[in-house]
Amino acid sequence: MKQRSIWAYIVLLVALIALLAVALLQGATTINVTHLNAQQFNTLFNIRLPRIIAALVSGAMLAIAGAFFQAALRNAIADPSILGISASASLFQLLGSLLLPALLFNKFIFALLGGLVAFLLLLQFQKQMDPYRLILIGVALNAMFVGIQQIFTPATSLGGTTFATSTWTTTLFLVILGIIGLMLALWLAPWANYLKIGDAQLQTLGVAVVWVRLALLLLAVYLTSTVTASVGVLPFIGIIIPHVSRYFVGHDYRQVVPFSVLAGAFLLLLSDTVGRLVVIPNELTAATILAVIGGPFLIFILARQGGQRHAS
């Protein structure tokens, strides 16, 4: 591992530890761990801690989802929130809550179904166009799914799913599914490197390109849908983190994936913590903070690349 990568890991880990301390102790109520009363203990362990864990796991999952979308589609701006995967998962989760509220794990099941619907639609369009135009189709699908959801939302009493609604039950469910997904991501990371080569060359080397690409995309859909079912739609992490990771640790996905896990966890926890602290006693959602950060970042990427279409 290069010295630059080692320093990047060290700085990131130190920053993450410092952020964890701030997120635990700061908020509408400042907590002193040496003088915990019953109310502060409840705030610390039953409100803030599950929320923090949910943010860490969700950030890691979305970062990997973005990296795999970019690898599989060979597009530097591929992201589940732009491709319509997150919006479709959110829409189907809402419909599932309305149609089958008593179904066990209905949020996850319907969110995953929604993510797969958007994925299958993109898969159909992929046969007819290049990855750059596929992104435009994804943007259109995203707008459509968001519009349909807005038709249903005012007519329901369902509150939006955010980190503020996190409990130990929802967080543990997210952690279990997240660990499974992240372990699969580490296992598939070496295969993502193959997709840097053209399909024709890979076929001559005996690599099943279609199956490698499909495995990466399906895992990315699973990761995205799980997060959406648990904490809602969170934009731009899948764009920001893979680019930052490649800058610090290079383009080998065996390095990009583990660094993205830490960096994604840091970015989402930072966004949620800033949202909690900036307008006390009210909150800004992590999605709002990410939109403020991610919009300019996306513009920067597009301006810097000057039309470059492929991610490696």
Protein backbone atom coordinates (compact mmCIF):
# COMPACT_ATOMS: atom_id res chain seq x y z
CA MET A 1 0.00 0.00 0.00
CA LYS A 2 1.34 3.45 -0.94
CA GLN A 3 2.30 5.94 1.76
CA ARG A 4 -0.44 8.29 0.56
CA SER A 5 -3.04 5.58 1.07
CA ILE A 6 -1.74 4.77 4.56
CA TRP A 7 -1.95 8.42 5.61
CA ALA A 8 -5.43 8.67 4.12
CA TYR A 9 -6.58 5.72 6.25
CA ILE A 10 -4.97 7.17 9.39
CA VAL A 11 -6.52 10.62 8.94
CA LEU A 12 -9.91 9.14 8.10
CA LEU A 13 -9.90 6.86 11.16
CA VAL A 14 -8.89 9.70 13.50
CA ALA A 15 -11.56 11.96 12.01
CA LEU A 16 -14.16 9.21 12.33
CA ILE A 17 -13.34 8.62 16.02
CA ALA A 18 -13.54 12.36 16.75
CA LEU A 19 -16.85 12.59 14.89
CA LEU A 20 -18.26 9.65 16.85
CA ALA A 21 -17.51 11.46 20.10
CA VAL A 22 -19.20 14.65 18.90
CA ALA A 23 -22.23 12.78 17.57
CA LEU A 24 -22.67 10.90 20.86
CA LEU A 25 -22.23 13.81 23.23
CA GLN A 26 -23.57 16.84 21.35
CA GLY A 27 -27.14 17.64 20.44
CA ALA A 28 -30.16 19.41 21.85
CA THR A 29 -28.74 18.19 25.18
CA THR A 30 -25.00 18.09 25.83
CA ILE A 31 -24.05 14.92 27.68
CA ASN A 32 -21.26 14.54 30.21
CA VAL A 33 -20.41 10.85 30.41
CA THR A 34 -18.96 11.24 33.93
CA HIS A 35 -22.31 12.47 35.31
CA LEU A 36 -25.00 10.49 33.51
CA ASN A 37 -28.51 10.64 34.88
CA ALA A 38 -31.32 8.33 33.76
CA GLN A 39 -32.62 10.71 31.10
CA GLN A 40 -29.16 11.29 29.61
CA PHE A 41 -28.45 7.57 29.63
CA ASN A 42 -31.67 6.96 27.69
CA THR A 43 -30.79 9.73 25.21
CA LEU A 44 -27.28 8.36 24.72
CA PHE A 45 -28.00 4.64 24.37
CA ASN A 46 -31.55 4.48 23.03
CA ILE A 47 -31.72 7.53 20.77
CA ARG A 48 -28.27 8.65 19.65
CA LEU A 49 -26.38 5.35 19.54
CA PRO A 50 -28.77 3.45 17.21
CA ARG A 51 -28.99 6.54 15.02
CA ILE A 52 -25.19 6.78 14.80
CA ILE A 53 -24.81 3.08 13.97
CA ALA A 54 -27.54 3.35 11.32
CA ALA A 55 -25.72 6.31 9.73
CA LEU A 56 -22.37 4.50 9.70
CA VAL A 57 -23.76 1.33 8.12
CA SER A 58 -25.96 3.20 5.62
CA GLY A 59 -23.09 5.41 4.48
CA ALA A 60 -20.85 2.40 3.91
CA MET A 61 -23.56 0.56 1.95
CA LEU A 62 -24.42 3.49 -0.32
CA ALA A 63 -20.76 4.20 -1.02
CA ILE A 64 -20.22 0.62 -2.20
CA ALA A 65 -23.45 0.68 -4.21
CA GLY A 66 -22.22 3.77 -6.05
CA ALA A 67 -18.78 2.26 -6.68
CA PHE A 68 -20.30 -0.90 -8.16
CA PHE A 69 -22.80 1.02 -10.31
CA GLN A 70 -19.93 3.06 -11.71
CA ALA A 71 -17.82 -0.03 -12.33
CA ALA A 72 -20.61 -2.04 -13.96
CA LEU A 73 -21.95 0.81 -16.11
CA ARG A 74 -18.50 2.32 -16.76
CA ASN A 75 -19.89 5.74 -15.91
CA ALA A 76 -18.34 8.16 -13.43
CA ILE A 77 -21.66 9.70 -12.35
CA ALA A 78 -23.69 6.51 -11.91
CA ASP A 79 -25.38 6.61 -8.51
CA PRO A 80 -28.48 4.87 -7.10
CA SER A 81 -30.18 8.19 -6.35
CA ILE A 82 -29.61 9.45 -9.91
CA LEU A 83 -30.51 6.16 -11.62
CA GLY A 84 -33.92 6.04 -9.94
CA ILE A 85 -33.14 2.98 -7.80
CA SER A 86 -33.59 4.84 -4.49
CA ALA A 87 -36.77 6.63 -5.61
CA SER A 88 -38.34 3.41 -6.87
CA ALA A 89 -37.47 1.60 -3.62
CA SER A 90 -38.99 4.44 -1.62
CA LEU A 91 -42.17 4.44 -3.72
CA PHE A 92 -42.69 0.68 -3.43
CA GLN A 93 -41.96 0.83 0.30
CA LEU A 94 -44.75 3.39 0.66
CA LEU A 95 -47.16 1.31 -1.44
CA GLY A 96 -46.32 -1.77 0.58
CA SER A 97 -47.08 0.08 3.83
CA LEU A 98 -50.47 1.06 2.40
CA LEU A 99 -51.43 -2.26 0.82
CA LEU A 100 -49.94 -4.83 3.21
CA PRO A 101 -49.13 -3.04 6.48
CA ALA A 102 -49.22 -6.28 8.49
CA LEU A 103 -46.72 -8.13 6.28
CA LEU A 104 -43.54 -9.03 8.15
CA PHE A 105 -40.52 -7.06 6.86
CA ASN A 106 -42.84 -5.30 4.39
CA LYS A 107 -40.60 -2.23 4.16
CA PHE A 108 -37.55 -4.21 3.12
CA ILE A 109 -39.44 -6.58 0.81
CA PHE A 110 -41.22 -3.82 -1.09
CA ALA A 111 -38.17 -1.54 -1.18
CA LEU A 112 -36.13 -4.38 -2.69
CA LEU A 113 -38.95 -5.05 -5.17
CA GLY A 114 -38.97 -1.39 -6.15
CA GLY A 115 -35.21 -1.31 -6.59
CA LEU A 116 -35.40 -4.39 -8.82
CA VAL A 117 -38.19 -2.83 -10.93
CA ALA A 118 -36.05 0.25 -11.61
CA PHE A 119 -33.05 -1.99 -12.28
CA LEU A 120 -34.96 -4.11 -14.80
CA LEU A 121 -36.18 -0.99 -16.58
CA LEU A 122 -32.61 0.29 -16.83
CA LEU A 123 -31.50 -3.13 -18.03
CA GLN A 124 -33.95 -2.95 -20.93
CA PHE A 125 -32.73 0.47 -21.95
CA GLN A 126 -29.08 -0.57 -21.61
CA LYS A 127 -29.45 -2.86 -24.60
CA GLN A 128 -30.24 0.12 -26.80
CA MET A 129 -27.92 2.90 -25.68
CA ASP A 130 -24.54 3.82 -24.25
CA PRO A 131 -23.97 4.30 -20.50
CA TYR A 132 -24.08 8.12 -20.73
CA ARG A 133 -27.58 8.15 -22.19
CA LEU A 134 -28.56 5.48 -19.68
CA ILE A 135 -27.91 8.01 -16.92
CA LEU A 136 -30.40 10.37 -18.56
CA ILE A 137 -32.98 7.58 -18.58
CA GLY A 138 -32.25 7.02 -14.89
CA VAL A 139 -32.84 10.70 -14.15
CA ALA A 140 -36.18 10.52 -15.96
CA LEU A 141 -37.17 7.37 -14.04
CA ASN A 142 -36.16 9.04 -10.78
CA ALA A 143 -38.38 12.04 -11.51
CA MET A 144 -41.26 9.75 -12.43
CA PHE A 145 -41.03 7.66 -9.25
CA VAL A 146 -40.74 10.77 -7.06
CA GLY A 147 -43.77 12.29 -8.77
CA ILE A 148 -45.87 9.16 -8.25
CA GLN A 149 -44.87 9.02 -4.59
CA GLN A 150 -45.93 12.63 -4.08
CA ILE A 151 -49.39 11.69 -5.33
CA PHE A 152 -49.78 9.18 -2.50
CA THR A 153 -47.88 10.88 0.29
CA PRO A 154 -50.29 13.77 1.08
CA ALA A 155 -53.16 11.29 1.33
CA THR A 156 -51.42 9.23 3.99
CA SER A 157 -50.49 9.78 7.61
CA LEU A 158 -47.19 7.98 7.15
CA GLY A 159 -44.17 9.90 8.35
CA GLY A 160 -41.04 9.88 6.28
CA THR A 161 -38.32 7.43 7.21
CA THR A 162 -35.23 9.28 8.46
CA PHE A 163 -32.48 8.79 11.00
CA ALA A 164 -34.70 10.49 13.56
CA THR A 165 -36.98 7.44 13.42
CA SER A 166 -34.15 4.95 14.02
CA THR A 167 -34.64 2.46 16.84
CA TRP A 168 -32.55 -0.48 18.01
CA THR A 169 -34.93 -2.82 16.15
CA THR A 170 -34.60 -1.07 12.79
CA THR A 171 -30.87 -0.49 13.29
CA LEU A 172 -30.07 -4.11 14.13
CA PHE A 173 -32.05 -5.24 11.08
CA LEU A 174 -30.06 -2.79 8.95
CA VAL A 175 -26.75 -3.92 10.50
CA ILE A 176 -27.43 -7.61 9.82
CA LEU A 177 -28.40 -7.03 6.18
CA GLY A 178 -25.62 -4.49 5.79
CA ILE A 179 -22.90 -6.83 7.04
CA ILE A 180 -24.08 -9.50 4.60
CA GLY A 181 -23.98 -7.01 1.72
CA LEU A 182 -20.59 -5.56 2.66
CA MET A 183 -19.02 -9.02 2.98
CA LEU A 184 -20.30 -9.86 -0.50
CA ALA A 185 -18.89 -6.54 -1.74
CA LEU A 186 -15.41 -7.37 -0.42
CA TRP A 187 -15.64 -10.76 -2.11
CA LEU A 188 -16.75 -9.26 -5.44
CA ALA A 189 -14.30 -6.33 -5.37
CA PRO A 190 -11.56 -8.12 -7.41
CA TRP A 191 -14.12 -8.92 -10.12
CA ALA A 192 -14.99 -5.25 -10.48
CA ASN A 193 -11.42 -4.69 -11.73
CA TYR A 194 -12.11 -6.88 -14.77
CA LEU A 195 -14.73 -4.44 -16.04
CA LYS A 196 -12.06 -1.84 -16.75
CA ILE A 197 -11.24 -3.93 -19.83
CA GLY A 198 -13.48 -4.01 -22.89
CA ASP A 199 -16.12 -6.74 -23.07
CA ALA A 200 -14.61 -8.32 -26.18
CA GLN A 201 -11.20 -8.65 -24.51
CA LEU A 202 -12.73 -10.12 -21.37
CA GLN A 203 -14.58 -12.74 -23.38
CA THR A 204 -11.36 -13.82 -25.04
CA LEU A 205 -9.90 -14.24 -21.54
CA GLY A 206 -12.81 -16.47 -20.57
CA VAL A 207 -14.46 -14.00 -18.17
CA ALA A 208 -18.28 -14.17 -18.02
CA VAL A 209 -18.75 -10.42 -18.42
CA VAL A 210 -22.55 -10.49 -18.25
CA TRP A 211 -22.59 -12.39 -14.98
CA VAL A 212 -19.91 -10.23 -13.37
CA ARG A 213 -21.76 -7.06 -14.30
CA LEU A 214 -25.11 -8.52 -13.20
CA ALA A 215 -23.71 -9.61 -9.83
CA LEU A 216 -22.30 -6.14 -9.13
CA LEU A 217 -25.52 -4.40 -10.15
CA LEU A 218 -27.78 -6.73 -8.16
CA LEU A 219 -25.65 -6.27 -5.04
CA ALA A 220 -25.75 -2.50 -5.54
CA VAL A 221 -29.57 -2.65 -5.82
CA TYR A 222 -29.74 -4.77 -2.65
CA LEU A 223 -27.55 -2.33 -0.70
CA THR A 224 -29.49 0.70 -1.92
CA SER A 225 -32.92 -0.80 -1.28
CA THR A 226 -31.98 -1.92 2.23
CA VAL A 227 -30.82 1.57 3.18
CA THR A 228 -33.89 3.18 1.63
CA ALA A 229 -36.20 0.85 3.54
CA SER A 230 -34.42 1.68 6.80
CA VAL A 231 -33.61 5.40 6.67
CA GLY A 232 -35.03 6.82 3.44
CA VAL A 233 -33.48 8.21 0.25
CA LEU A 234 -29.97 9.63 0.68
CA PRO A 235 -28.48 11.23 -2.45
CA PHE A 236 -24.96 11.65 -3.82
CA ILE A 237 -22.96 9.42 -1.43
CA GLY A 238 -22.55 6.92 -4.25
CA ILE A 239 -21.00 9.63 -6.42
CA ILE A 240 -18.85 11.47 -3.89
CA ILE A 241 -17.20 8.60 -2.02
CA PRO A 242 -15.97 6.41 -4.93
CA HIS A 243 -14.29 9.45 -6.51
CA VAL A 244 -12.66 10.46 -3.22
CA SER A 245 -11.55 6.87 -2.64
CA ARG A 246 -9.95 6.56 -6.08
CA TYR A 247 -8.08 9.81 -5.46
CA PHE A 248 -6.53 8.53 -2.22
CA VAL A 249 -6.08 4.77 -2.77
CA GLY A 250 -6.07 4.34 -6.55
CA HIS A 251 -8.37 2.51 -8.96
CA ASP A 252 -7.98 -1.04 -7.69
CA TYR A 253 -11.38 -2.01 -6.28
CA ARG A 254 -9.69 -4.20 -3.69
CA GLN A 255 -8.57 -0.90 -2.17
CA VAL A 256 -11.51 1.27 -3.24
CA VAL A 257 -14.12 -0.91 -1.50
CA PRO A 258 -12.66 -0.95 2.06
CA PHE A 259 -11.76 2.75 1.92
CA SER A 260 -15.23 3.58 0.63
CA VAL A 261 -16.77 1.70 3.57
CA LEU A 262 -14.98 4.01 6.03
CA ALA A 263 -15.36 7.18 3.98
CA GLY A 264 -19.06 6.57 3.30
CA ALA A 265 -19.69 5.94 6.99
CA PHE A 266 -17.86 9.16 7.86
CA LEU A 267 -19.67 11.33 5.31
CA LEU A 268 -23.16 10.19 6.26
CA LEU A 269 -22.52 10.46 10.01
CA LEU A 270 -21.05 13.92 9.43
CA SER A 271 -24.12 14.97 7.42
CA ASP A 272 -26.53 13.67 10.06
CA THR A 273 -24.56 15.25 12.91
CA VAL A 274 -24.37 18.64 11.20
CA GLY A 275 -28.09 18.43 10.49
CA ARG A 276 -28.78 17.80 14.19
CA LEU A 277 -26.54 20.59 15.46
CA VAL A 278 -26.92 23.45 13.00
CA VAL A 279 -30.48 24.53 13.91
CA ILE A 280 -30.98 23.21 17.46
CA PRO A 281 -33.60 22.33 18.70
CA ASN A 282 -34.82 21.59 15.15
CA GLU A 283 -33.04 19.40 12.61
CA LEU A 284 -32.06 19.35 8.96
CA THR A 285 -32.21 15.90 7.44
CA ALA A 286 -29.02 14.19 6.30
CA ALA A 287 -30.52 14.11 2.80
CA THR A 288 -30.69 17.92 2.80
CA ILE A 289 -27.05 18.26 3.87
CA LEU A 290 -25.97 15.70 1.26
CA ALA A 291 -27.84 17.57 -1.47
CA VAL A 292 -26.02 20.79 -0.54
CA ILE A 293 -22.66 18.96 -0.68
CA GLY A 294 -23.38 16.62 -3.57
CA GLY A 295 -24.79 19.08 -6.10
CA PRO A 296 -21.61 21.17 -6.39
CA PHE A 297 -19.49 17.98 -6.28
CA LEU A 298 -21.37 16.55 -9.27
CA ILE A 299 -20.94 19.80 -11.19
CA PHE A 300 -17.21 19.73 -10.36
CA ILE A 301 -16.86 16.17 -11.66
CA LEU A 302 -18.65 16.98 -14.91
CA ALA A 303 -16.61 20.15 -15.43
CA ARG A 304 -13.33 18.42 -14.60
CA GLN A 305 -13.91 15.46 -16.87
CA GLY A 306 -15.14 17.59 -19.74
CA GLY A 307 -17.44 14.92 -21.06
CA GLN A 308 -15.41 11.86 -20.06
CA ARG A 309 -17.92 9.03 -19.76
CA HIS A 310 -16.21 6.10 -18.17
CA ALA A 311 -15.16 5.35 -14.60
CA SER A 312 -12.38 2.93 -13.83
